[in-house]
Amino acid sequence: MYFNTIDQAREALQLPKHATMDQIKKQYKSLIKRWHPDKCNEAPERCEAMARRITDAYRIILNYCNSYQYSFERDEVKKHVSESEWWLQRFGSDPMWGV
């Protein structure tokens, strides 16, 4: 049930399956700007309903992100290294690889 709630919130915010916090915030701001009742050009009831849906979805996503437990284990951190760090870890500063 909890996954479905988060997935529905993700869909309401039109987010991909993987998103950074910056992407989440930018998408929320973009959608709320479009659907805010003071700026929306559609029927006021629809604008209010969409703004409420977007805000509720954003709150759900933020609650999930704020309660997420991050792993600081070596293997998990290694999954998120940059491309240049990946090459350096594997090949060091060997001149053959142009580093």
PDB file of N, CA and C in Angstrom:
ATOM      1  N   MET A   1       0.829  -1.200   0.000  1.00  0.00           N
ATOM      2  CA  MET A   1       0.000   0.000   0.000  1.00  0.00           C
ATOM      3  C   MET A   1       0.864   1.250   0.000  1.00  0.00           C
ATOM      4  N   TYR A   2       1.928   1.254   0.805  1.00  0.00           N
ATOM      5  CA  TYR A   2       2.789   2.436   0.896  1.00  0.00           C
ATOM      6  C   TYR A   2       3.454   2.740  -0.447  1.00  0.00           C
ATOM      7  N   PHE A   3       3.906   1.691  -1.164  1.00  0.00           N
ATOM      8  CA  PHE A   3       4.520   1.904  -2.468  1.00  0.00           C
ATOM      9  C   PHE A   3       3.525   2.544  -3.427  1.00  0.00           C
ATOM     10  N   ASN A   4       2.300   2.061  -3.436  1.00  0.00           N
ATOM     11  CA  ASN A   4       1.291   2.615  -4.341  1.00  0.00           C
ATOM     12  C   ASN A   4       1.056   4.097  -4.085  1.00  0.00           C
ATOM     13  N   THR A   5       1.049   4.494  -2.833  1.00  0.00           N
ATOM     14  CA  THR A   5       0.855   5.903  -2.480  1.00  0.00           C
ATOM     15  C   THR A   5       1.999   6.752  -3.032  1.00  0.00           C
ATOM     16  N   ILE A   6       3.218   6.280  -2.839  1.00  0.00           N
ATOM     17  CA  ILE A   6       4.392   7.015  -3.329  1.00  0.00           C
ATOM     18  C   ILE A   6       4.407   7.041  -4.851  1.00  0.00           C
ATOM     19  N   ASP A   7       4.073   5.925  -5.480  1.00  0.00           N
ATOM     20  CA  ASP A   7       4.066   5.859  -6.935  1.00  0.00           C
ATOM     21  C   ASP A   7       3.003   6.780  -7.532  1.00  0.00           C
ATOM     22  N   GLN A   8       1.844   6.847  -6.900  1.00  0.00           N
ATOM     23  CA  GLN A   8       0.804   7.762  -7.367  1.00  0.00           C
ATOM     24  C   GLN A   8       1.247   9.217  -7.208  1.00  0.00           C
ATOM     25  N   ALA A   9       1.940   9.510  -6.118  1.00  0.00           N
ATOM     26  CA  ALA A   9       2.465  10.861  -5.910  1.00  0.00           C
ATOM     27  C   ALA A   9       3.510  11.185  -6.972  1.00  0.00           C
ATOM     28  N   ARG A  10       4.368  10.216  -7.282  1.00  0.00           N
ATOM     29  CA  ARG A  10       5.381  10.406  -8.321  1.00  0.00           C
ATOM     30  C   ARG A  10       4.715  10.710  -9.667  1.00  0.00           C
ATOM     31  N   GLU A  11       3.682   9.968  -9.976  1.00  0.00           N
ATOM     32  CA  GLU A  11       2.963  10.183 -11.228  1.00  0.00           C
ATOM     33  C   GLU A  11       2.259  11.540 -11.240  1.00  0.00           C
ATOM     34  N   ALA A  12       1.693  11.937 -10.118  1.00  0.00           N
ATOM     35  CA  ALA A  12       1.023  13.244 -10.042  1.00  0.00           C
ATOM     36  C   ALA A  12       2.013  14.376 -10.301  1.00  0.00           C
ATOM     37  N   LEU A  13       3.248  14.183  -9.870  1.00  0.00           N
ATOM     38  CA  LEU A  13       4.287  15.192 -10.103  1.00  0.00           C
ATOM     39  C   LEU A  13       5.004  14.982 -11.435  1.00  0.00           C
ATOM     40  N   GLN A  14       4.573  13.965 -12.176  1.00  0.00           N
ATOM     41  CA  GLN A  14       5.147  13.652 -13.482  1.00  0.00           C
ATOM     42  C   GLN A  14       6.662  13.449 -13.402  1.00  0.00           C
ATOM     43  N   LEU A  15       7.076  12.699 -12.388  1.00  0.00           N
ATOM     44  CA  LEU A  15       8.491  12.416 -12.176  1.00  0.00           C
ATOM     45  C   LEU A  15       8.865  11.077 -12.803  1.00  0.00           C
ATOM     46  N   PRO A  16      10.117  10.948 -13.248  1.00  0.00           N
ATOM     47  CA  PRO A  16      10.572   9.636 -13.726  1.00  0.00           C
ATOM     48  C   PRO A  16      10.748   8.692 -12.535  1.00  0.00           C
ATOM     49  N   LYS A  17      11.086   7.452 -12.803  1.00  0.00           N
ATOM     50  CA  LYS A  17      11.254   6.456 -11.726  1.00  0.00           C
ATOM     51  C   LYS A  17      12.444   6.783 -10.825  1.00  0.00           C
ATOM     52  N   HIS A  18      13.409   7.527 -11.331  1.00  0.00           N
ATOM     53  CA  HIS A  18      14.572   7.944 -10.557  1.00  0.00           C
ATOM     54  C   HIS A  18      14.692   9.453 -10.698  1.00  0.00           C
ATOM     55  N   ALA A  19      14.779  10.155  -9.578  1.00  0.00           N
ATOM     56  CA  ALA A  19      14.874  11.616  -9.631  1.00  0.00           C
ATOM     57  C   ALA A  19      15.705  12.126  -8.461  1.00  0.00           C
ATOM     58  N   THR A  20      16.412  13.204  -8.700  1.00  0.00           N
ATOM     59  CA  THR A  20      17.163  13.858  -7.632  1.00  0.00           C
ATOM     60  C   THR A  20      16.225  14.808  -6.894  1.00  0.00           C
ATOM     61  N   MET A  21      16.659  15.266  -5.748  1.00  0.00           N
ATOM     62  CA  MET A  21      15.849  16.227  -4.992  1.00  0.00           C
ATOM     63  C   MET A  21      15.681  17.522  -5.796  1.00  0.00           C
ATOM     64  N   ASP A  22      16.711  17.929  -6.517  1.00  0.00           N
ATOM     65  CA  ASP A  22      16.596  19.125  -7.357  1.00  0.00           C
ATOM     66  C   ASP A  22      15.531  18.947  -8.430  1.00  0.00           C
ATOM     67  N   GLN A  23      15.490  17.779  -9.054  1.00  0.00           N
ATOM     68  CA  GLN A  23      14.474  17.508 -10.070  1.00  0.00           C
ATOM     69  C   GLN A  23      13.075  17.524  -9.469  1.00  0.00           C
ATOM     70  N   ILE A  24      12.937  16.954  -8.289  1.00  0.00           N
ATOM     71  CA  ILE A  24      11.639  16.918  -7.613  1.00  0.00           C
ATOM     72  C   ILE A  24      11.161  18.337  -7.329  1.00  0.00           C
ATOM     73  N   LYS A  25      12.048  19.150  -6.779  1.00  0.00           N
ATOM     74  CA  LYS A  25      11.679  20.535  -6.448  1.00  0.00           C
ATOM     75  C   LYS A  25      11.343  21.348  -7.694  1.00  0.00           C
ATOM     76  N   LYS A  26      12.145  21.200  -8.744  1.00  0.00           N
ATOM     77  CA  LYS A  26      11.891  21.946  -9.985  1.00  0.00           C
ATOM     78  C   LYS A  26      10.561  21.545 -10.605  1.00  0.00           C
ATOM     79  N   GLN A  27      10.286  20.254 -10.596  1.00  0.00           N
ATOM     80  CA  GLN A  27       9.031  19.780 -11.174  1.00  0.00           C
ATOM     81  C   GLN A  27       7.837  20.284 -10.371  1.00  0.00           C
ATOM     82  N   TYR A  28       7.953  20.240  -9.048  1.00  0.00           N
ATOM     83  CA  TYR A  28       6.868  20.756  -8.202  1.00  0.00           C
ATOM     84  C   TYR A  28       6.617  22.233  -8.501  1.00  0.00           C
ATOM     85  N   LYS A  29       7.687  23.019  -8.519  1.00  0.00           N
ATOM     86  CA  LYS A  29       7.538  24.461  -8.773  1.00  0.00           C
ATOM     87  C   LYS A  29       6.919  24.732 -10.131  1.00  0.00           C
ATOM     88  N   SER A  30       7.326  23.963 -11.121  1.00  0.00           N
ATOM     89  CA  SER A  30       6.779  24.132 -12.466  1.00  0.00           C
ATOM     90  C   SER A  30       5.284  23.822 -12.506  1.00  0.00           C
ATOM     91  N   LEU A  31       4.897  22.709 -11.891  1.00  0.00           N
ATOM     92  CA  LEU A  31       3.483  22.316 -11.906  1.00  0.00           C
ATOM     93  C   LEU A  31       2.615  23.251 -11.073  1.00  0.00           C
ATOM     94  N   ILE A  32       3.105  23.626  -9.892  1.00  0.00           N
ATOM     95  CA  ILE A  32       2.279  24.489  -9.030  1.00  0.00           C
ATOM     96  C   ILE A  32       2.143  25.880  -9.646  1.00  0.00           C
ATOM     97  N   LYS A  33       3.157  26.310 -10.363  1.00  0.00           N
ATOM     98  CA  LYS A  33       3.080  27.602 -11.051  1.00  0.00           C
ATOM     99  C   LYS A  33       1.989  27.557 -12.132  1.00  0.00           C
ATOM    100  N   ARG A  34       1.916  26.442 -12.821  1.00  0.00           N
ATOM    101  CA  ARG A  34       0.907  26.291 -13.874  1.00  0.00           C
ATOM    102  C   ARG A  34      -0.497  26.174 -13.303  1.00  0.00           C
ATOM    103  N   TRP A  35      -0.660  25.442 -12.191  1.00  0.00           N
ATOM    104  CA  TRP A  35      -1.994  25.129 -11.679  1.00  0.00           C
ATOM    105  C   TRP A  35      -2.431  25.990 -10.500  1.00  0.00           C
ATOM    106  N   HIS A  36      -1.608  26.910 -10.067  1.00  0.00           N
ATOM    107  CA  HIS A  36      -2.008  27.747  -8.927  1.00  0.00           C
ATOM    108  C   HIS A  36      -3.295  28.493  -9.287  1.00  0.00           C
ATOM    109  N   PRO A  37      -4.285  28.445  -8.407  1.00  0.00           N
ATOM    110  CA  PRO A  37      -5.591  29.064  -8.712  1.00  0.00           C
ATOM    111  C   PRO A  37      -5.517  30.538  -9.100  1.00  0.00           C
ATOM    112  N   ASP A  38      -4.529  31.270  -8.623  1.00  0.00           N
ATOM    113  CA  ASP A  38      -4.417  32.688  -8.980  1.00  0.00           C
ATOM    114  C   ASP A  38      -3.878  32.907 -10.390  1.00  0.00           C
ATOM    115  N   LYS A  39      -3.236  31.902 -10.970  1.00  0.00           N
ATOM    116  CA  LYS A  39      -2.604  32.070 -12.279  1.00  0.00           C
ATOM    117  C   LYS A  39      -3.197  31.167 -13.354  1.00  0.00           C
ATOM    118  N   CYS A  40      -3.936  30.170 -12.943  1.00  0.00           N
ATOM    119  CA  CYS A  40      -4.472  29.164 -13.861  1.00  0.00           C
ATOM    120  C   CYS A  40      -5.580  29.753 -14.732  1.00  0.00           C
ATOM    121  N   ASN A  41      -5.569  29.382 -16.015  1.00  0.00           N
ATOM    122  CA  ASN A  41      -6.569  29.903 -16.955  1.00  0.00           C
ATOM    123  C   ASN A  41      -7.744  28.954 -17.170  1.00  0.00           C
ATOM    124  N   GLU A  42      -7.772  27.868 -16.421  1.00  0.00           N
ATOM    125  CA  GLU A  42      -8.874  26.915 -16.569  1.00  0.00           C
ATOM    126  C   GLU A  42      -9.927  27.175 -15.490  1.00  0.00           C
ATOM    127  N   ALA A  43     -10.916  26.297 -15.418  1.00  0.00           N
ATOM    128  CA  ALA A  43     -11.990  26.443 -14.432  1.00  0.00           C
ATOM    129  C   ALA A  43     -11.385  26.475 -13.023  1.00  0.00           C
ATOM    130  N   PRO A  44     -11.823  27.415 -12.191  1.00  0.00           N
ATOM    131  CA  PRO A  44     -11.252  27.556 -10.843  1.00  0.00           C
ATOM    132  C   PRO A  44     -11.291  26.261 -10.022  1.00  0.00           C
ATOM    133  N   GLU A  45     -12.352  25.492 -10.154  1.00  0.00           N
ATOM    134  CA  GLU A  45     -12.461  24.242  -9.395  1.00  0.00           C
ATOM    135  C   GLU A  45     -11.374  23.254  -9.825  1.00  0.00           C
ATOM    136  N   ARG A  46     -11.149  23.173 -11.124  1.00  0.00           N
ATOM    137  CA  ARG A  46     -10.109  22.266 -11.641  1.00  0.00           C
ATOM    138  C   ARG A  46      -8.730  22.735 -11.190  1.00  0.00           C
ATOM    139  N   CYS A  47      -8.486  24.023 -11.237  1.00  0.00           N
ATOM    140  CA  CYS A  47      -7.189  24.566 -10.809  1.00  0.00           C
ATOM    141  C   CYS A  47      -6.940  24.272  -9.334  1.00  0.00           C
ATOM    142  N   GLU A  48      -7.948  24.490  -8.511  1.00  0.00           N
ATOM    143  CA  GLU A  48      -7.808  24.228  -7.077  1.00  0.00           C
ATOM    144  C   GLU A  48      -7.566  22.747  -6.810  1.00  0.00           C
ATOM    145  N   ALA A  49      -8.294  21.893  -7.508  1.00  0.00           N
ATOM    146  CA  ALA A  49      -8.129  20.442  -7.319  1.00  0.00           C
ATOM    147  C   ALA A  49      -6.731  19.997  -7.746  1.00  0.00           C
ATOM    148  N   MET A  50      -6.260  20.502  -8.876  1.00  0.00           N
ATOM    149  CA  MET A  50      -4.922  20.131  -9.344  1.00  0.00           C
ATOM    150  C   MET A  50      -3.841  20.665  -8.414  1.00  0.00           C
ATOM    151  N   ALA A  51      -3.982  21.903  -7.956  1.00  0.00           N
ATOM    152  CA  ALA A  51      -2.998  22.487  -7.030  1.00  0.00           C
ATOM    153  C   ALA A  51      -2.953  21.678  -5.736  1.00  0.00           C
ATOM    154  N   ARG A  52      -4.102  21.269  -5.257  1.00  0.00           N
ATOM    155  CA  ARG A  52      -4.178  20.458  -4.032  1.00  0.00           C
ATOM    156  C   ARG A  52      -3.520  19.091  -4.265  1.00  0.00           C
ATOM    157  N   ARG A  53      -3.817  18.487  -5.410  1.00  0.00           N
ATOM    158  CA  ARG A  53      -3.231  17.177  -5.742  1.00  0.00           C
ATOM    159  C   ARG A  53      -1.704  17.263  -5.844  1.00  0.00           C
ATOM    160  N   ILE A  54      -1.210  18.295  -6.486  1.00  0.00           N
ATOM    161  CA  ILE A  54       0.238  18.492  -6.643  1.00  0.00           C
ATOM    162  C   ILE A  54       0.898  18.722  -5.290  1.00  0.00           C
ATOM    163  N   THR A  55       0.288  19.549  -4.462  1.00  0.00           N
ATOM    164  CA  THR A  55       0.845  19.837  -3.133  1.00  0.00           C
ATOM    165  C   THR A  55       0.842  18.591  -2.255  1.00  0.00           C
ATOM    166  N   ASP A  56      -0.248  17.833  -2.294  1.00  0.00           N
ATOM    167  CA  ASP A  56      -0.309  16.587  -1.510  1.00  0.00           C
ATOM    168  C   ASP A  56       0.744  15.586  -1.988  1.00  0.00           C
ATOM    169  N   ALA A  57       0.906  15.469  -3.296  1.00  0.00           N
ATOM    170  CA  ALA A  57       1.899  14.550  -3.855  1.00  0.00           C
ATOM    171  C   ALA A  57       3.312  14.976  -3.446  1.00  0.00           C
ATOM    172  N   TYR A  58       3.582  16.254  -3.501  1.00  0.00           N
ATOM    173  CA  TYR A  58       4.897  16.777  -3.109  1.00  0.00           C
ATOM    174  C   TYR A  58       5.178  16.476  -1.640  1.00  0.00           C
ATOM    175  N   ARG A  59       4.180  16.652  -0.808  1.00  0.00           N
ATOM    176  CA  ARG A  59       4.326  16.366   0.621  1.00  0.00           C
ATOM    177  C   ARG A  59       4.629  14.875   0.848  1.00  0.00           C
ATOM    178  N   ILE A  60       3.953  14.003   0.132  1.00  0.00           N
ATOM    179  CA  ILE A  60       4.192  12.563   0.251  1.00  0.00           C
ATOM    180  C   ILE A  60       5.620  12.223  -0.170  1.00  0.00           C
ATOM    181  N   ILE A  61       6.048  12.764  -1.296  1.00  0.00           N
ATOM    182  CA  ILE A  61       7.407  12.497  -1.792  1.00  0.00           C
ATOM    183  C   ILE A  61       8.444  13.033  -0.811  1.00  0.00           C
ATOM    184  N   LEU A  62       8.252  14.235  -0.282  1.00  0.00           N
ATOM    185  CA  LEU A  62       9.209  14.799   0.680  1.00  0.00           C
ATOM    186  C   LEU A  62       9.257  13.974   1.963  1.00  0.00           C
ATOM    187  N   ASN A  63       8.114  13.526   2.445  1.00  0.00           N
ATOM    188  CA  ASN A  63       8.100  12.670   3.639  1.00  0.00           C
ATOM    189  C   ASN A  63       8.871  11.386   3.389  1.00  0.00           C
ATOM    190  N   TYR A  64       8.683  10.805   2.215  1.00  0.00           N
ATOM    191  CA  TYR A  64       9.428   9.594   1.866  1.00  0.00           C
ATOM    192  C   TYR A  64      10.929   9.880   1.818  1.00  0.00           C
ATOM    193  N   CYS A  65      11.305  10.945   1.149  1.00  0.00           N
ATOM    194  CA  CYS A  65      12.732  11.280   1.019  1.00  0.00           C
ATOM    195  C   CYS A  65      13.360  11.619   2.371  1.00  0.00           C
ATOM    196  N   ASN A  66      12.617  12.302   3.222  1.00  0.00           N
ATOM    197  CA  ASN A  66      13.158  12.683   4.531  1.00  0.00           C
ATOM    198  C   ASN A  66      13.287  11.503   5.488  1.00  0.00           C
ATOM    199  N   SER A  67      12.528  10.429   5.250  1.00  0.00           N
ATOM    200  CA  SER A  67      12.625   9.272   6.134  1.00  0.00           C
ATOM    201  C   SER A  67      13.452   8.144   5.516  1.00  0.00           C
ATOM    202  N   TYR A  68      13.976   8.389   4.312  1.00  0.00           N
ATOM    203  CA  TYR A  68      14.778   7.379   3.629  1.00  0.00           C
ATOM    204  C   TYR A  68      16.107   7.209   4.355  1.00  0.00           C
ATOM    205  N   GLN A  69      16.528   5.967   4.537  1.00  0.00           N
ATOM    206  CA  GLN A  69      17.799   5.700   5.196  1.00  0.00           C
ATOM    207  C   GLN A  69      18.874   5.528   4.136  1.00  0.00           C
ATOM    208  N   TYR A  70      19.848   6.409   4.163  1.00  0.00           N
ATOM    209  CA  TYR A  70      20.943   6.355   3.216  1.00  0.00           C
ATOM    210  C   TYR A  70      22.014   5.397   3.710  1.00  0.00           C
ATOM    211  N   SER A  71      22.582   4.672   2.782  1.00  0.00           N
ATOM    212  CA  SER A  71      23.650   3.744   3.117  1.00  0.00           C
ATOM    213  C   SER A  71      24.996   4.443   2.913  1.00  0.00           C
ATOM    214  N   PHE A  72      25.864   4.307   3.890  1.00  0.00           N
ATOM    215  CA  PHE A  72      27.207   4.862   3.788  1.00  0.00           C
ATOM    216  C   PHE A  72      28.248   3.750   3.735  1.00  0.00           C
ATOM    217  N   GLU A  73      27.803   2.564   3.359  1.00  0.00           N
ATOM    218  CA  GLU A  73      28.714   1.439   3.218  1.00  0.00           C
ATOM    219  C   GLU A  73      29.511   1.600   1.928  1.00  0.00           C
ATOM    220  N   ARG A  74      30.735   1.131   1.959  1.00  0.00           N
ATOM    221  CA  ARG A  74      31.666   1.307   0.846  1.00  0.00           C
ATOM    222  C   ARG A  74      31.054   0.863  -0.489  1.00  0.00           C
ATOM    223  N   ASP A  75      30.500  -0.332  -0.536  1.00  0.00           N
ATOM    224  CA  ASP A  75      29.965  -0.849  -1.794  1.00  0.00           C
ATOM    225  C   ASP A  75      28.819   0.008  -2.333  1.00  0.00           C
ATOM    226  N   GLU A  76      28.005   0.516  -1.450  1.00  0.00           N
ATOM    227  CA  GLU A  76      26.882   1.352  -1.883  1.00  0.00           C
ATOM    228  C   GLU A  76      27.373   2.707  -2.387  1.00  0.00           C
ATOM    229  N   VAL A  77      28.329   3.293  -1.692  1.00  0.00           N
ATOM    230  CA  VAL A  77      28.869   4.593  -2.109  1.00  0.00           C
ATOM    231  C   VAL A  77      29.581   4.458  -3.459  1.00  0.00           C
ATOM    232  N   LYS A  78      30.264   3.340  -3.670  1.00  0.00           N
ATOM    233  CA  LYS A  78      30.979   3.121  -4.927  1.00  0.00           C
ATOM    234  C   LYS A  78      30.040   3.108  -6.136  1.00  0.00           C
ATOM    235  N   LYS A  79      28.796   2.777  -5.931  1.00  0.00           N
ATOM    236  CA  LYS A  79      27.832   2.748  -7.025  1.00  0.00           C
ATOM    237  C   LYS A  79      27.560   4.146  -7.578  1.00  0.00           C
ATOM    238  N   HIS A  80      27.925   5.176  -6.823  1.00  0.00           N
ATOM    239  CA  HIS A  80      27.554   6.540  -7.199  1.00  0.00           C
ATOM    240  C   HIS A  80      28.746   7.431  -7.506  1.00  0.00           C
ATOM    241  N   VAL A  81      29.882   6.836  -7.876  1.00  0.00           N
ATOM    242  CA  VAL A  81      31.056   7.647  -8.202  1.00  0.00           C
ATOM    243  C   VAL A  81      30.913   8.213  -9.601  1.00  0.00           C
ATOM    244  N   SER A  82      31.597   9.302  -9.854  1.00  0.00           N
ATOM    245  CA  SER A  82      31.568   9.910 -11.179  1.00  0.00           C
ATOM    246  C   SER A  82      32.341   9.043 -12.159  1.00  0.00           C
ATOM    247  N   GLU A  83      32.183   9.324 -13.428  1.00  0.00           N
ATOM    248  CA  GLU A  83      32.868   8.547 -14.459  1.00  0.00           C
ATOM    249  C   GLU A  83      34.385   8.648 -14.319  1.00  0.00           C
ATOM    250  N   SER A  84      34.886   9.845 -14.040  1.00  0.00           N
ATOM    251  CA  SER A  84      36.343  10.013 -13.910  1.00  0.00           C
ATOM    252  C   SER A  84      36.869   9.274 -12.671  1.00  0.00           C
ATOM    253  N   GLU A  85      36.096   9.280 -11.576  1.00  0.00           N
ATOM    254  CA  GLU A  85      36.514   8.535 -10.386  1.00  0.00           C
ATOM    255  C   GLU A  85      36.513   7.035 -10.660  1.00  0.00           C
ATOM    256  N   TRP A  86      35.534   6.573 -11.437  1.00  0.00           N
ATOM    257  CA  TRP A  86      35.447   5.158 -11.790  1.00  0.00           C
ATOM    258  C   TRP A  86      36.702   4.722 -12.533  1.00  0.00           C
ATOM    259  N   TRP A  87      37.102   5.523 -13.546  1.00  0.00           N
ATOM    260  CA  TRP A  87      38.303   5.196 -14.313  1.00  0.00           C
ATOM    261  C   TRP A  87      39.546   5.244 -13.436  1.00  0.00           C
ATOM    262  N   LEU A  88      39.644   6.251 -12.592  1.00  0.00           N
ATOM    263  CA  LEU A  88      40.805   6.390 -11.717  1.00  0.00           C
ATOM    264  C   LEU A  88      40.915   5.207 -10.756  1.00  0.00           C
ATOM    265  N   GLN A  89      39.801   4.740 -10.209  1.00  0.00           N
ATOM    266  CA  GLN A  89      39.817   3.589  -9.304  1.00  0.00           C
ATOM    267  C   GLN A  89      40.285   2.321 -10.014  1.00  0.00           C
ATOM    268  N   ARG A  90      39.889   2.165 -11.253  1.00  0.00           N
ATOM    269  CA  ARG A  90      40.224   0.941 -11.971  1.00  0.00           C
ATOM    270  C   ARG A  90      41.611   0.954 -12.602  1.00  0.00           C
ATOM    271  N   PHE A  91      42.031   2.110 -13.093  1.00  0.00           N
ATOM    272  CA  PHE A  91      43.269   2.160 -13.850  1.00  0.00           C
ATOM    273  C   PHE A  91      44.327   3.083 -13.258  1.00  0.00           C
ATOM    274  N   GLY A  92      43.962   3.782 -12.180  1.00  0.00           N
ATOM    275  CA  GLY A  92      44.931   4.661 -11.530  1.00  0.00           C
ATOM    276  C   GLY A  92      45.402   5.756 -12.475  1.00  0.00           C
ATOM    277  N   SER A  93      46.637   6.158 -12.301  1.00  0.00           N
ATOM    278  CA  SER A  93      47.166   7.239 -13.145  1.00  0.00           C
ATOM    279  C   SER A  93      48.086   6.685 -14.223  1.00  0.00           C
ATOM    280  N   ASP A  94      47.796   5.473 -14.696  1.00  0.00           N
ATOM    281  CA  ASP A  94      48.568   4.848 -15.757  1.00  0.00           C
ATOM    282  C   ASP A  94      48.535   5.732 -17.004  1.00  0.00           C
ATOM    283  N   PRO A  95      49.703   6.154 -17.518  1.00  0.00           N
ATOM    284  CA  PRO A  95      49.736   7.056 -18.669  1.00  0.00           C
ATOM    285  C   PRO A  95      49.102   6.435 -19.929  1.00  0.00           C
ATOM    286  N   MET A  96      49.034   5.139 -19.966  1.00  0.00           N
ATOM    287  CA  MET A  96      48.415   4.472 -21.116  1.00  0.00           C
ATOM    288  C   MET A  96      46.954   4.897 -21.286  1.00  0.00           C
ATOM    289  N   TRP A  97      46.292   5.229 -20.187  1.00  0.00           N
ATOM    290  CA  TRP A  97      44.876   5.595 -20.212  1.00  0.00           C
ATOM    291  C   TRP A  97      44.667   7.093 -20.309  1.00  0.00           C
ATOM    292  N   GLY A  98      45.722   7.845 -20.426  1.00  0.00           N
ATOM    293  CA  GLY A  98      45.598   9.283 -20.634  1.00  0.00           C
ATOM    294  C   GLY A  98      45.208  10.065 -19.410  1.00  0.00           C
ATOM    295  N   VAL A  99      45.479   9.522 -18.224  1.00  0.00           N
ATOM    296  CA  VAL A  99      45.127  10.226 -16.990  1.00  0.00           C
ATOM    297  C   VAL A  99      46.349  10.933 -16.459  1.00  0.00           C
TER     298      VAL A  99
END
